[in-house]
């Protein structure tokens, strides 16, 4: 049974009268969670509340067993945070900066220095660890920020746009590092990203936010498991005549103009061509499909705007 890492109930937060977080209730267990939403959805504000950087106007919650109302100073020693913005101190090399962050988290100096070398090696910065951090490329800075979040061996890591500014090769390596950390099973993660493929690759569950609210929660495994009975069909001709002959089969039109057909497991797929001929239409596109995280995201955001 999964242990509860974060539990929030009816959390609200305001910026100068603007409600940035509205009645958010959620429960996050062990493992890797994704946090998605358009700009201004409230993702960063929610993460700052979990970190204890912001105090909610209303609501209650517990982070790693500690009540929000009692303060999270001690809990921060058990949380690693990789912010989206660059947070590196000018004039410090990577080893010095990383060990300094370890000391701030309560590690003895010698242990922090040893651990700094270990995590910099782990993220691929061993040959550049004595260079000034502010001379690093964007991709190297992202790796260094991951090392800073890792140095004190936290229970929970919060990663905000971890692949931001990275080239395709660097992005792939960052995702491999995140997957490797997750595979060890000792650290739990919340990952916020605008790159939906990154979230689908690394996260077991996904929370989708819009207008300061949680509008959907998805299990990413569902997208893989639902592939077998869905067909993507493109036709030339009158779609209505074709759909009428399909009887009660569920169908929907996607954003590209293709029909997505949800077929029973025993439905003979090749019979669709005979049905199309009867309807006087031509099938021009025909392939297995699946519900993607992008589909779930667009649907959740669209439904939340319609409320």
C-alpha atoms as a PDB file:
ATOM      1  CA  UNK A   1       0.000   0.000   0.000  1.00  0.00           C
ATOM      2  CA  UNK A   2       1.320   3.437  -1.003  1.00  0.00           C
ATOM      3  CA  UNK A   3       2.343   5.794   1.795  1.00  0.00           C
ATOM      4  CA  UNK A   4       0.812   9.277   1.673  1.00  0.00           C
ATOM      5  CA  UNK A   5       3.560  11.839   1.007  1.00  0.00           C
ATOM      6  CA  UNK A   6       1.381  14.921   0.485  1.00  0.00           C
ATOM      7  CA  UNK A   7      -2.196  15.496   1.582  1.00  0.00           C
ATOM      8  CA  UNK A   8      -3.967  18.810   0.942  1.00  0.00           C
ATOM      9  CA  UNK A   9      -7.566  19.737   1.761  1.00  0.00           C
ATOM     10  CA  UNK A  10      -9.389  22.788   0.407  1.00  0.00           C
ATOM     11  CA  UNK A  11      -6.220  24.855  -0.090  1.00  0.00           C
ATOM     12  CA  UNK A  12      -6.685  28.465  -1.242  1.00  0.00           C
ATOM     13  CA  UNK A  13      -4.098  31.128  -2.007  1.00  0.00           C
ATOM     14  CA  UNK A  14      -4.360  34.749  -3.184  1.00  0.00           C
ATOM     15  CA  UNK A  15      -1.929  37.191  -4.821  1.00  0.00           C
ATOM     16  CA  UNK A  16      -3.137  40.755  -4.150  1.00  0.00           C
ATOM     17  CA  UNK A  17      -6.761  39.684  -4.292  1.00  0.00           C
ATOM     18  CA  UNK A  18      -6.303  37.313  -7.256  1.00  0.00           C
ATOM     19  CA  UNK A  19      -7.096  33.694  -6.393  1.00  0.00           C
ATOM     20  CA  UNK A  20      -4.156  31.647  -7.662  1.00  0.00           C
ATOM     21  CA  UNK A  21      -5.169  28.396  -5.908  1.00  0.00           C
ATOM     22  CA  UNK A  22      -8.849  27.512  -5.484  1.00  0.00           C
ATOM     23  CA  UNK A  23     -10.038  24.736  -3.171  1.00  0.00           C
ATOM     24  CA  UNK A  24      -7.289  22.296  -4.106  1.00  0.00           C
ATOM     25  CA  UNK A  25      -7.586  18.892  -2.461  1.00  0.00           C
ATOM     26  CA  UNK A  26      -5.216  16.095  -3.400  1.00  0.00           C
ATOM     27  CA  UNK A  27      -3.374  13.104  -2.060  1.00  0.00           C
ATOM     28  CA  UNK A  28       0.026  12.111  -3.428  1.00  0.00           C
ATOM     29  CA  UNK A  29       1.534   8.772  -2.550  1.00  0.00           C
ATOM     30  CA  UNK A  30       4.951   7.275  -3.155  1.00  0.00           C
ATOM     31  CA  UNK A  31       6.354   7.238  -6.679  1.00  0.00           C
ATOM     32  CA  UNK A  32       6.617   9.799  -9.462  1.00  0.00           C
ATOM     33  CA  UNK A  33       3.826  12.289 -10.151  1.00  0.00           C
ATOM     34  CA  UNK A  34       3.557  14.749 -13.020  1.00  0.00           C
ATOM     35  CA  UNK A  35       2.046  18.223 -12.707  1.00  0.00           C
ATOM     36  CA  UNK A  36       0.670  19.754 -15.895  1.00  0.00           C
ATOM     37  CA  UNK A  37      -1.185  22.918 -16.788  1.00  0.00           C
ATOM     38  CA  UNK A  38      -1.035  26.008 -19.015  1.00  0.00           C
ATOM     39  CA  UNK A  39       0.876  29.105 -17.944  1.00  0.00           C
ATOM     40  CA  UNK A  40      -0.820  30.708 -14.956  1.00  0.00           C
ATOM     41  CA  UNK A  41      -2.600  27.492 -13.932  1.00  0.00           C
ATOM     42  CA  UNK A  42      -1.110  27.647 -10.416  1.00  0.00           C
ATOM     43  CA  UNK A  43       1.518  24.891 -10.672  1.00  0.00           C
ATOM     44  CA  UNK A  44       4.442  26.916  -9.302  1.00  0.00           C
ATOM     45  CA  UNK A  45       2.292  28.409  -6.540  1.00  0.00           C
ATOM     46  CA  UNK A  46       1.159  24.940  -5.491  1.00  0.00           C
ATOM     47  CA  UNK A  47       4.759  23.704  -5.412  1.00  0.00           C
ATOM     48  CA  UNK A  48       5.796  26.672  -3.266  1.00  0.00           C
ATOM     49  CA  UNK A  49       2.999  25.872  -0.810  1.00  0.00           C
ATOM     50  CA  UNK A  50       4.243  22.283  -0.571  1.00  0.00           C
ATOM     51  CA  UNK A  51       7.772  23.611   0.002  1.00  0.00           C
ATOM     52  CA  UNK A  52       6.532  25.925   2.739  1.00  0.00           C
ATOM     53  CA  UNK A  53       7.610  29.049   0.849  1.00  0.00           C
ATOM     54  CA  UNK A  54       4.005  30.273   0.737  1.00  0.00           C
ATOM     55  CA  UNK A  55       1.349  29.987   3.423  1.00  0.00           C
ATOM     56  CA  UNK A  56      -2.184  29.207   2.181  1.00  0.00           C
ATOM     57  CA  UNK A  57      -5.008  31.601   3.010  1.00  0.00           C
ATOM     58  CA  UNK A  58      -7.278  28.676   3.869  1.00  0.00           C
ATOM     59  CA  UNK A  59      -7.220  24.914   3.999  1.00  0.00           C
ATOM     60  CA  UNK A  60      -5.043  22.349   5.696  1.00  0.00           C
ATOM     61  CA  UNK A  61      -2.553  19.677   4.780  1.00  0.00           C
ATOM     62  CA  UNK A  62       0.372  17.483   5.714  1.00  0.00           C
ATOM     63  CA  UNK A  63       3.728  17.203   3.943  1.00  0.00           C
ATOM     64  CA  UNK A  64       5.823  14.152   4.850  1.00  0.00           C
ATOM     65  CA  UNK A  65       3.766  13.802   8.009  1.00  0.00           C
ATOM     66  CA  UNK A  66       4.153  17.439   9.131  1.00  0.00           C
ATOM     67  CA  UNK A  67       1.186  19.773   9.398  1.00  0.00           C
ATOM     68  CA  UNK A  68       1.272  22.833   7.127  1.00  0.00           C
ATOM     69  CA  UNK A  69       0.139  25.073   9.963  1.00  0.00           C
ATOM     70  CA  UNK A  70       3.062  24.133  12.213  1.00  0.00           C
ATOM     71  CA  UNK A  71       5.645  25.185   9.643  1.00  0.00           C
ATOM     72  CA  UNK A  72       7.822  23.150   7.339  1.00  0.00           C
ATOM     73  CA  UNK A  73      11.317  24.347   8.282  1.00  0.00           C
ATOM     74  CA  UNK A  74      12.470  20.913   9.381  1.00  0.00           C
ATOM     75  CA  UNK A  75      10.627  19.165   6.570  1.00  0.00           C
ATOM     76  CA  UNK A  76      12.643  21.105   3.976  1.00  0.00           C
ATOM     77  CA  UNK A  77      15.689  19.063   4.999  1.00  0.00           C
ATOM     78  CA  UNK A  78      13.892  16.088   3.472  1.00  0.00           C
ATOM     79  CA  UNK A  79      12.841  17.826   0.257  1.00  0.00           C
ATOM     80  CA  UNK A  80      14.977  18.492  -2.812  1.00  0.00           C
ATOM     81  CA  UNK A  81      13.899  21.356  -5.090  1.00  0.00           C
ATOM     82  CA  UNK A  82      15.004  22.039  -8.657  1.00  0.00           C
ATOM     83  CA  UNK A  83      13.453  25.394  -9.621  1.00  0.00           C
ATOM     84  CA  UNK A  84      12.763  26.444 -13.201  1.00  0.00           C
ATOM     85  CA  UNK A  85      14.683  29.712 -12.811  1.00  0.00           C
ATOM     86  CA  UNK A  86      18.452  29.691 -12.501  1.00  0.00           C
ATOM     87  CA  UNK A  87      19.366  29.818  -8.824  1.00  0.00           C
ATOM     88  CA  UNK A  88      23.149  29.477  -9.010  1.00  0.00           C
ATOM     89  CA  UNK A  89      25.386  31.743  -6.929  1.00  0.00           C
ATOM     90  CA  UNK A  90      27.876  33.657  -9.107  1.00  0.00           C
ATOM     91  CA  UNK A  91      31.556  33.135  -8.331  1.00  0.00           C
ATOM     92  CA  UNK A  92      31.177  29.629  -6.889  1.00  0.00           C
ATOM     93  CA  UNK A  93      32.388  26.451  -8.574  1.00  0.00           C
ATOM     94  CA  UNK A  94      30.087  23.454  -8.785  1.00  0.00           C
ATOM     95  CA  UNK A  95      31.708  21.469  -5.956  1.00  0.00           C
ATOM     96  CA  UNK A  96      31.656  24.424  -3.563  1.00  0.00           C
ATOM     97  CA  UNK A  97      28.060  25.307  -4.415  1.00  0.00           C
ATOM     98  CA  UNK A  98      26.803  21.742  -4.163  1.00  0.00           C
ATOM     99  CA  UNK A  99      28.524  21.066  -0.846  1.00  0.00           C
ATOM    100  CA  UNK A 100      27.253  24.406   0.470  1.00  0.00           C
ATOM    101  CA  UNK A 101      23.685  23.342  -0.341  1.00  0.00           C
ATOM    102  CA  UNK A 102      24.361  20.080   1.458  1.00  0.00           C
ATOM    103  CA  UNK A 103      25.490  21.971   4.559  1.00  0.00           C
ATOM    104  CA  UNK A 104      22.402  24.185   4.430  1.00  0.00           C
ATOM    105  CA  UNK A 105      20.358  20.977   4.539  1.00  0.00           C
ATOM    106  CA  UNK A 106      22.099  19.958   7.773  1.00  0.00           C
ATOM    107  CA  UNK A 107      24.943  17.762   6.508  1.00  0.00           C
ATOM    108  CA  UNK A 108      28.365  17.953   8.233  1.00  0.00           C
ATOM    109  CA  UNK A 109      30.923  19.790   6.088  1.00  0.00           C
ATOM    110  CA  UNK A 110      33.126  16.812   5.178  1.00  0.00           C
ATOM    111  CA  UNK A 111      30.125  14.638   4.404  1.00  0.00           C
ATOM    112  CA  UNK A 112      28.660  17.415   2.228  1.00  0.00           C
ATOM    113  CA  UNK A 113      31.913  17.756   0.239  1.00  0.00           C
ATOM    114  CA  UNK A 114      32.107  13.992  -0.319  1.00  0.00           C
ATOM    115  CA  UNK A 115      28.480  13.833  -1.351  1.00  0.00           C
ATOM    116  CA  UNK A 116      28.936  16.823  -3.704  1.00  0.00           C
ATOM    117  CA  UNK A 117      31.609  14.961  -5.669  1.00  0.00           C
ATOM    118  CA  UNK A 118      29.370  11.886  -5.848  1.00  0.00           C
ATOM    119  CA  UNK A 119      26.273  13.644  -7.188  1.00  0.00           C
ATOM    120  CA  UNK A 120      28.258  15.765  -9.667  1.00  0.00           C
ATOM    121  CA  UNK A 121      29.763  12.570 -11.031  1.00  0.00           C
ATOM    122  CA  UNK A 122      26.284  11.031 -11.159  1.00  0.00           C
ATOM    123  CA  UNK A 123      24.823  13.882 -13.241  1.00  0.00           C
ATOM    124  CA  UNK A 124      27.792  13.911 -15.628  1.00  0.00           C
ATOM    125  CA  UNK A 125      29.645  17.020 -14.405  1.00  0.00           C
ATOM    126  CA  UNK A 126      32.710  15.331 -12.914  1.00  0.00           C
ATOM    127  CA  UNK A 127      35.121  16.902 -15.426  1.00  0.00           C
ATOM    128  CA  UNK A 128      33.644  20.388 -14.951  1.00  0.00           C
ATOM    129  CA  UNK A 129      33.072  20.345 -11.195  1.00  0.00           C
ATOM    130  CA  UNK A 130      35.787  22.926 -10.453  1.00  0.00           C
ATOM    131  CA  UNK A 131      34.536  25.407 -13.058  1.00  0.00           C
ATOM    132  CA  UNK A 132      32.541  28.433 -11.974  1.00  0.00           C
ATOM    133  CA  UNK A 133      28.866  27.529 -12.162  1.00  0.00           C
ATOM    134  CA  UNK A 134      27.938  30.768 -13.922  1.00  0.00           C
ATOM    135  CA  UNK A 135      30.183  29.798 -16.891  1.00  0.00           C
ATOM    136  CA  UNK A 136      28.156  26.631 -17.532  1.00  0.00           C
ATOM    137  CA  UNK A 137      25.958  26.159 -20.597  1.00  0.00           C
ATOM    138  CA  UNK A 138      22.176  25.982 -20.122  1.00  0.00           C
ATOM    139  CA  UNK A 139      22.210  22.188 -20.208  1.00  0.00           C
ATOM    140  CA  UNK A 140      25.051  21.975 -17.676  1.00  0.00           C
ATOM    141  CA  UNK A 141      23.194  24.347 -15.369  1.00  0.00           C
ATOM    142  CA  UNK A 142      20.169  22.045 -15.466  1.00  0.00           C
ATOM    143  CA  UNK A 143      22.378  19.111 -14.479  1.00  0.00           C
ATOM    144  CA  UNK A 144      23.905  21.158 -11.677  1.00  0.00           C
ATOM    145  CA  UNK A 145      20.470  22.132 -10.363  1.00  0.00           C
ATOM    146  CA  UNK A 146      19.566  18.445 -10.270  1.00  0.00           C
ATOM    147  CA  UNK A 147      22.750  17.774  -8.276  1.00  0.00           C
ATOM    148  CA  UNK A 148      21.806  20.546  -5.821  1.00  0.00           C
ATOM    149  CA  UNK A 149      18.398  18.933  -5.326  1.00  0.00           C
ATOM    150  CA  UNK A 150      19.987  15.499  -4.833  1.00  0.00           C
ATOM    151  CA  UNK A 151      22.940  16.276  -2.590  1.00  0.00           C
ATOM    152  CA  UNK A 152      21.211  15.720   0.766  1.00  0.00           C
ATOM    153  CA  UNK A 153      19.468  12.488  -0.332  1.00  0.00           C
ATOM    154  CA  UNK A 154      15.893  13.813   0.075  1.00  0.00           C
ATOM    155  CA  UNK A 155      12.720  11.787   0.519  1.00  0.00           C
ATOM    156  CA  UNK A 156      10.799  14.017  -1.892  1.00  0.00           C
ATOM    157  CA  UNK A 157      12.122  15.839  -4.959  1.00  0.00           C
ATOM    158  CA  UNK A 158      10.211  18.615  -6.728  1.00  0.00           C
ATOM    159  CA  UNK A 159      11.476  19.267 -10.258  1.00  0.00           C
ATOM    160  CA  UNK A 160      10.176  22.336 -12.104  1.00  0.00           C
ATOM    161  CA  UNK A 161      10.838  22.116 -15.872  1.00  0.00           C
ATOM    162  CA  UNK A 162      13.907  19.853 -15.482  1.00  0.00           C
ATOM    163  CA  UNK A 163      14.672  19.708 -19.239  1.00  0.00           C
ATOM    164  CA  UNK A 164      14.246  23.442 -19.906  1.00  0.00           C
ATOM    165  CA  UNK A 165      16.892  24.842 -22.265  1.00  0.00           C
ATOM    166  CA  UNK A 166      18.421  21.452 -23.035  1.00  0.00           C
ATOM    167  CA  UNK A 167      19.201  20.136 -26.519  1.00  0.00           C
ATOM    168  CA  UNK A 168      17.565  16.822 -27.566  1.00  0.00           C
ATOM    169  CA  UNK A 169      20.562  14.750 -26.444  1.00  0.00           C
ATOM    170  CA  UNK A 170      20.810  16.497 -23.082  1.00  0.00           C
ATOM    171  CA  UNK A 171      17.063  16.234 -22.573  1.00  0.00           C
ATOM    172  CA  UNK A 172      17.186  12.476 -23.175  1.00  0.00           C
ATOM    173  CA  UNK A 173      20.042  12.096 -20.687  1.00  0.00           C
ATOM    174  CA  UNK A 174      18.164  14.144 -18.076  1.00  0.00           C
ATOM    175  CA  UNK A 175      15.101  11.923 -18.464  1.00  0.00           C
ATOM    176  CA  UNK A 176      17.320   8.850 -18.081  1.00  0.00           C
ATOM    177  CA  UNK A 177      18.719  10.299 -14.841  1.00  0.00           C
ATOM    178  CA  UNK A 178      15.208  10.953 -13.525  1.00  0.00           C
ATOM    179  CA  UNK A 179      14.120   7.428 -14.479  1.00  0.00           C
ATOM    180  CA  UNK A 180      17.202   5.986 -12.782  1.00  0.00           C
ATOM    181  CA  UNK A 181      16.494   7.919  -9.574  1.00  0.00           C
ATOM    182  CA  UNK A 182      12.879   6.718  -9.643  1.00  0.00           C
ATOM    183  CA  UNK A 183      13.902   3.090 -10.274  1.00  0.00           C
ATOM    184  CA  UNK A 184      15.876   2.985  -7.020  1.00  0.00           C
ATOM    185  CA  UNK A 185      12.605   3.514  -5.130  1.00  0.00           C
ATOM    186  CA  UNK A 186      14.074   5.688  -2.359  1.00  0.00           C
ATOM    187  CA  UNK A 187      12.971   9.108  -3.589  1.00  0.00           C
ATOM    188  CA  UNK A 188       9.519  10.317  -4.523  1.00  0.00           C
ATOM    189  CA  UNK A 189       9.124  13.002  -7.177  1.00  0.00           C
ATOM    190  CA  UNK A 190       6.775  15.668  -8.439  1.00  0.00           C
ATOM    191  CA  UNK A 191       7.732  16.824 -11.943  1.00  0.00           C
ATOM    192  CA  UNK A 192       6.250  19.898 -13.599  1.00  0.00           C
ATOM    193  CA  UNK A 193       6.888  20.288 -17.322  1.00  0.00           C
ATOM    194  CA  UNK A 194       5.369  21.796 -20.458  1.00  0.00           C
ATOM    195  CA  UNK A 195       6.726  18.840 -22.453  1.00  0.00           C
ATOM    196  CA  UNK A 196       3.976  16.261 -22.215  1.00  0.00           C
ATOM    197  CA  UNK A 197       6.170  13.475 -23.626  1.00  0.00           C
ATOM    198  CA  UNK A 198       8.583  13.950 -20.698  1.00  0.00           C
ATOM    199  CA  UNK A 199       5.761  13.517 -18.203  1.00  0.00           C
ATOM    200  CA  UNK A 200       4.314  10.494 -19.994  1.00  0.00           C
ATOM    201  CA  UNK A 201       7.783   8.892 -20.051  1.00  0.00           C
ATOM    202  CA  UNK A 202       8.746   9.470 -16.410  1.00  0.00           C
ATOM    203  CA  UNK A 203       5.555   9.675 -14.323  1.00  0.00           C
ATOM    204  CA  UNK A 204       3.165   7.019 -13.042  1.00  0.00           C
ATOM    205  CA  UNK A 205       0.346   9.497 -12.337  1.00  0.00           C
ATOM    206  CA  UNK A 206      -0.436  12.970 -13.648  1.00  0.00           C
ATOM    207  CA  UNK A 207      -2.280  15.888 -12.063  1.00  0.00           C
ATOM    208  CA  UNK A 208      -3.658  18.488 -14.486  1.00  0.00           C
ATOM    209  CA  UNK A 209      -4.271  22.047 -13.253  1.00  0.00           C
ATOM    210  CA  UNK A 210      -6.158  24.985 -14.727  1.00  0.00           C
ATOM    211  CA  UNK A 211      -7.311  28.267 -13.168  1.00  0.00           C
ATOM    212  CA  UNK A 212      -5.859  27.265  -9.809  1.00  0.00           C
ATOM    213  CA  UNK A 213      -7.774  23.980  -9.586  1.00  0.00           C
ATOM    214  CA  UNK A 214      -6.965  20.302 -10.081  1.00  0.00           C
ATOM    215  CA  UNK A 215      -9.169  19.441 -13.065  1.00  0.00           C
ATOM    216  CA  UNK A 216      -8.034  15.865 -13.710  1.00  0.00           C
ATOM    217  CA  UNK A 217      -5.895  13.031 -12.385  1.00  0.00           C
ATOM    218  CA  UNK A 218      -4.676  10.361 -14.777  1.00  0.00           C
ATOM    219  CA  UNK A 219      -2.747   7.098 -14.546  1.00  0.00           C
ATOM    220  CA  UNK A 220      -0.241   7.162 -17.412  1.00  0.00           C
ATOM    221  CA  UNK A 221      -0.326   3.369 -17.644  1.00  0.00           C
ATOM    222  CA  UNK A 222      -3.929   3.644 -18.822  1.00  0.00           C
ATOM    223  CA  UNK A 223      -2.771   5.289 -22.056  1.00  0.00           C
ATOM    224  CA  UNK A 224      -0.652   2.242 -22.918  1.00  0.00           C
ATOM    225  CA  UNK A 225      -3.234  -0.346 -21.858  1.00  0.00           C
ATOM    226  CA  UNK A 226      -6.025   1.212 -23.932  1.00  0.00           C
ATOM    227  CA  UNK A 227      -4.184   0.964 -27.252  1.00  0.00           C
ATOM    228  CA  UNK A 228      -5.497  -2.375 -28.487  1.00  0.00           C
ATOM    229  CA  UNK A 229      -9.149  -1.574 -29.292  1.00  0.00           C
ATOM    230  CA  UNK A 230      -8.829   1.902 -30.806  1.00  0.00           C
ATOM    231  CA  UNK A 231      -8.506   2.605 -34.520  1.00  0.00           C
ATOM    232  CA  UNK A 232      -7.678   5.886 -36.203  1.00  0.00           C
ATOM    233  CA  UNK A 233      -9.533   6.179 -39.521  1.00  0.00           C
ATOM    234  CA  UNK A 234      -9.440   8.887 -42.152  1.00  0.00           C
ATOM    235  CA  UNK A 235     -12.205   8.866 -44.759  1.00  0.00           C
ATOM    236  CA  UNK A 236     -13.076  10.749 -47.924  1.00  0.00           C
ATOM    237  CA  UNK A 237     -16.778  11.340 -48.176  1.00  0.00           C
ATOM    238  CA  UNK A 238     -19.750  11.789 -45.860  1.00  0.00           C
ATOM    239  CA  UNK A 239     -18.724  10.729 -42.351  1.00  0.00           C
ATOM    240  CA  UNK A 240     -22.314  10.570 -41.106  1.00  0.00           C
ATOM    241  CA  UNK A 241     -23.308   7.805 -43.548  1.00  0.00           C
ATOM    242  CA  UNK A 242     -20.284   5.773 -42.504  1.00  0.00           C
ATOM    243  CA  UNK A 243     -20.931   6.248 -38.766  1.00  0.00           C
ATOM    244  CA  UNK A 244     -24.616   5.298 -39.090  1.00  0.00           C
ATOM    245  CA  UNK A 245     -23.604   1.906 -40.473  1.00  0.00           C
ATOM    246  CA  UNK A 246     -21.281   1.320 -37.508  1.00  0.00           C
ATOM    247  CA  UNK A 247     -24.285   1.049 -35.196  1.00  0.00           C
ATOM    248  CA  UNK A 248     -23.484   1.642 -31.532  1.00  0.00           C
ATOM    249  CA  UNK A 249     -19.696   1.789 -31.903  1.00  0.00           C
ATOM    250  CA  UNK A 250     -18.297   4.804 -30.058  1.00  0.00           C
ATOM    251  CA  UNK A 251     -16.557   7.271 -32.368  1.00  0.00           C
ATOM    252  CA  UNK A 252     -15.154  10.765 -32.118  1.00  0.00           C
ATOM    253  CA  UNK A 253     -13.400  13.203 -34.439  1.00  0.00           C
ATOM    254  CA  UNK A 254      -9.908  14.270 -33.363  1.00  0.00           C
ATOM    255  CA  UNK A 255      -8.229  17.621 -33.970  1.00  0.00           C
ATOM    256  CA  UNK A 256      -6.720  16.463 -37.270  1.00  0.00           C
ATOM    257  CA  UNK A 257     -10.026  15.389 -38.765  1.00  0.00           C
ATOM    258  CA  UNK A 258      -9.528  11.639 -38.227  1.00  0.00           C
ATOM    259  CA  UNK A 259     -12.188   9.407 -36.711  1.00  0.00           C
ATOM    260  CA  UNK A 260     -11.159   7.542 -33.584  1.00  0.00           C
ATOM    261  CA  UNK A 261     -13.182   4.324 -33.326  1.00  0.00           C
ATOM    262  CA  UNK A 262     -13.482   2.424 -30.029  1.00  0.00           C
ATOM    263  CA  UNK A 263     -14.053  -1.131 -31.237  1.00  0.00           C
ATOM    264  CA  UNK A 264     -15.080  -4.197 -29.239  1.00  0.00           C
ATOM    265  CA  UNK A 265     -12.234  -6.690 -28.894  1.00  0.00           C
ATOM    266  CA  UNK A 266     -13.987  -9.200 -31.216  1.00  0.00           C
ATOM    267  CA  UNK A 267     -14.866  -6.660 -33.942  1.00  0.00           C
ATOM    268  CA  UNK A 268     -13.443  -7.695 -37.364  1.00  0.00           C
ATOM    269  CA  UNK A 269     -11.482  -4.583 -38.282  1.00  0.00           C
ATOM    270  CA  UNK A 270     -11.184  -5.338 -41.994  1.00  0.00           C
ATOM    271  CA  UNK A 271     -14.991  -5.242 -42.263  1.00  0.00           C
ATOM    272  CA  UNK A 272     -14.686  -1.458 -41.966  1.00  0.00           C
ATOM    273  CA  UNK A 273     -13.678  -1.342 -45.625  1.00  0.00           C
ATOM    274  CA  UNK A 274     -16.875  -3.131 -46.685  1.00  0.00           C
ATOM    275  CA  UNK A 275     -18.908  -0.787 -44.460  1.00  0.00           C
ATOM    276  CA  UNK A 276     -17.175   2.208 -46.050  1.00  0.00           C
ATOM    277  CA  UNK A 277     -18.002   0.906 -49.525  1.00  0.00           C
ATOM    278  CA  UNK A 278     -21.667   0.515 -48.575  1.00  0.00           C
ATOM    279  CA  UNK A 279     -21.672   4.100 -47.254  1.00  0.00           C
ATOM    280  CA  UNK A 280     -20.122   5.402 -50.467  1.00  0.00           C
ATOM    281  CA  UNK A 281     -16.945   6.642 -48.760  1.00  0.00           C
ATOM    282  CA  UNK A 282     -13.265   5.757 -49.058  1.00  0.00           C
ATOM    283  CA  UNK A 283     -10.909   4.898 -46.210  1.00  0.00           C
ATOM    284  CA  UNK A 284      -7.687   6.819 -46.836  1.00  0.00           C
ATOM    285  CA  UNK A 285      -6.064   6.398 -43.392  1.00  0.00           C
ATOM    286  CA  UNK A 286      -6.217   3.323 -41.163  1.00  0.00           C
ATOM    287  CA  UNK A 287      -4.033   2.504 -38.175  1.00  0.00           C
ATOM    288  CA  UNK A 288      -4.165   1.444 -34.508  1.00  0.00           C
ATOM    289  CA  UNK A 289      -4.339   4.382 -32.134  1.00  0.00           C
ATOM    290  CA  UNK A 290      -4.353   5.130 -28.430  1.00  0.00           C
ATOM    291  CA  UNK A 291      -5.412   7.851 -26.037  1.00  0.00           C
ATOM    292  CA  UNK A 292      -2.354   9.990 -25.352  1.00  0.00           C
ATOM    293  CA  UNK A 293      -1.528  12.280 -22.469  1.00  0.00           C
ATOM    294  CA  UNK A 294      -1.963  15.171 -24.898  1.00  0.00           C
ATOM    295  CA  UNK A 295      -5.540  14.048 -25.578  1.00  0.00           C
ATOM    296  CA  UNK A 296      -6.245  13.825 -21.842  1.00  0.00           C
ATOM    297  CA  UNK A 297      -4.649  17.234 -21.250  1.00  0.00           C
ATOM    298  CA  UNK A 298      -6.590  19.007 -24.021  1.00  0.00           C
ATOM    299  CA  UNK A 299      -9.850  17.391 -22.904  1.00  0.00           C
ATOM    300  CA  UNK A 300      -9.347  18.287 -19.235  1.00  0.00           C
ATOM    301  CA  UNK A 301      -8.414  21.893 -20.000  1.00  0.00           C
ATOM    302  CA  UNK A 302     -11.315  22.275 -22.436  1.00  0.00           C
ATOM    303  CA  UNK A 303     -13.830  20.900 -19.954  1.00  0.00           C
ATOM    304  CA  UNK A 304     -12.522  23.128 -17.157  1.00  0.00           C
ATOM    305  CA  UNK A 305     -12.911  26.231 -19.361  1.00  0.00           C
ATOM    306  CA  UNK A 306     -16.476  25.257 -20.186  1.00  0.00           C
ATOM    307  CA  UNK A 307     -17.514  25.193 -16.510  1.00  0.00           C
END
